[in-house]
Amino acid sequence: MKTKKMIVLLALFICVAMALTVSQVSAKNTTIKTQMMFPCSLPDLGNPMVWFSENVKKATNGEINFKLYDPPKLVPVMDILESVSQGLLGAGFAAPGFWMGKVPAAAIFGSVPFGPEGPEFISWLYYGNGLKLWQEAYDKSGLNLKVFPVLIVPPETSGWFTKKIEKVEDLKGFSMRFYGLGAAVIEKLGMSAAMLPPAEIFPAMEKGVVDAAEFSTPAVDESAGFYKIAKYNYYPGWHQQASIQELTINKDLWNKLEPHQQSIIELTAMASLINCIAVGEGRQGPVIKKNAEERGVNNVKWSPDLLAAFKQAWDKVVKERCAKDEMFKKVWEDLSKFREDYQTYKDFAFLPR
């Protein structure tokens, strides 16, 4: 009888031990459903997230799998931020400028008119107060998520126009698809701005809903086919000299991950930025040439007078935004101070352009 009890107890012990082992494994291996704002196949904007997710999976030996869903398979793209915060999504990938209605300061972390180029932007995020302030902005808005920069886009084109723009007066009455803080700038110059989601831009141009559009780099714009509709492509992208895209993870989910898993995600996100600069800047030149030589596109640079007009309008916009929102002001002042110090180094160290 005693032996039978011992056998039963041993069997129970083995079952409990096995159950605990299975529980630990299932807790350790995590699939994170991730809604994309841009299709995974889109160069410079979507494809880098594929690189990120594949490398996280490799580095964690399969423990963490960011399962990517093209828009809008799980939720509409404009619902990504709230869906991650509420736990309806494990993670989301998006451009933070789309959230500036809820979190005004978010637009600064996406892109800054007449702002820093890629290396300076990354420097502020990681070695200034950028990342800390970004998280603070979302926390103060009541969002239950962890945020990371995971992608950086090199300088964009300034937009596609159906006619040549020679003076500020030529812009008046124009309707244009525009993203982020730059939208407020063009409105100061008599244009109307529509922040259309990516999938809606080409149809809006084709139907004449908007007269012009900006979207991204030459390589991304090529895939969107804007050259088929508009033949004037303007440079430089004064509104987005560098653009950051974010990965947001539900904070409850994030806190359940093992410390080494969190570190791998953070380090892979940082590595992704370097990969984006290398790939993104390397692919643009041939596309610009092809547009001109094969597609009849006029690659045009803004005149000094027009660039000055954009800058004057931007100075007014940022002053107004700082007056309206304390967090926006806090972030802007911190970035501005960082840029002042960086400029001292830049003036001495960099070759004149």
Foldseek 3Di string as FASTA:
>chain_A
DVVVVVVVVVVVVVVVVVVVVVVVLVLQADEFEEEELAACPQPQRRVLVVVLQVQLCVVSVRRYGDDYDYPPVQHHSLCQQVCQQVVVGQKYKFQQLSCCVLQVQSLVQFAAQQDDAQVLSVCCCPVNCNLVLNVVSCVVSVGQKHKDFQGKAAWAWQKFAQDDDADLVVLAPFEEEDTGPLQQLSVVSHYHYDPDRPVCHVVCCVVVVGRMYTDGHLSSVVVVPVLVRGQEIEDDNSGGNMGTMMMIGRNVSVVSHDPVSNVSSRVSSVVSHVVSVVVNVVPRVVSVVCSVPPRNHDYYYHDPNVSVSSVVSSVVSLVVSVVVDVSNVVSVVSSVVSVVVVVVCCVPPPDDD
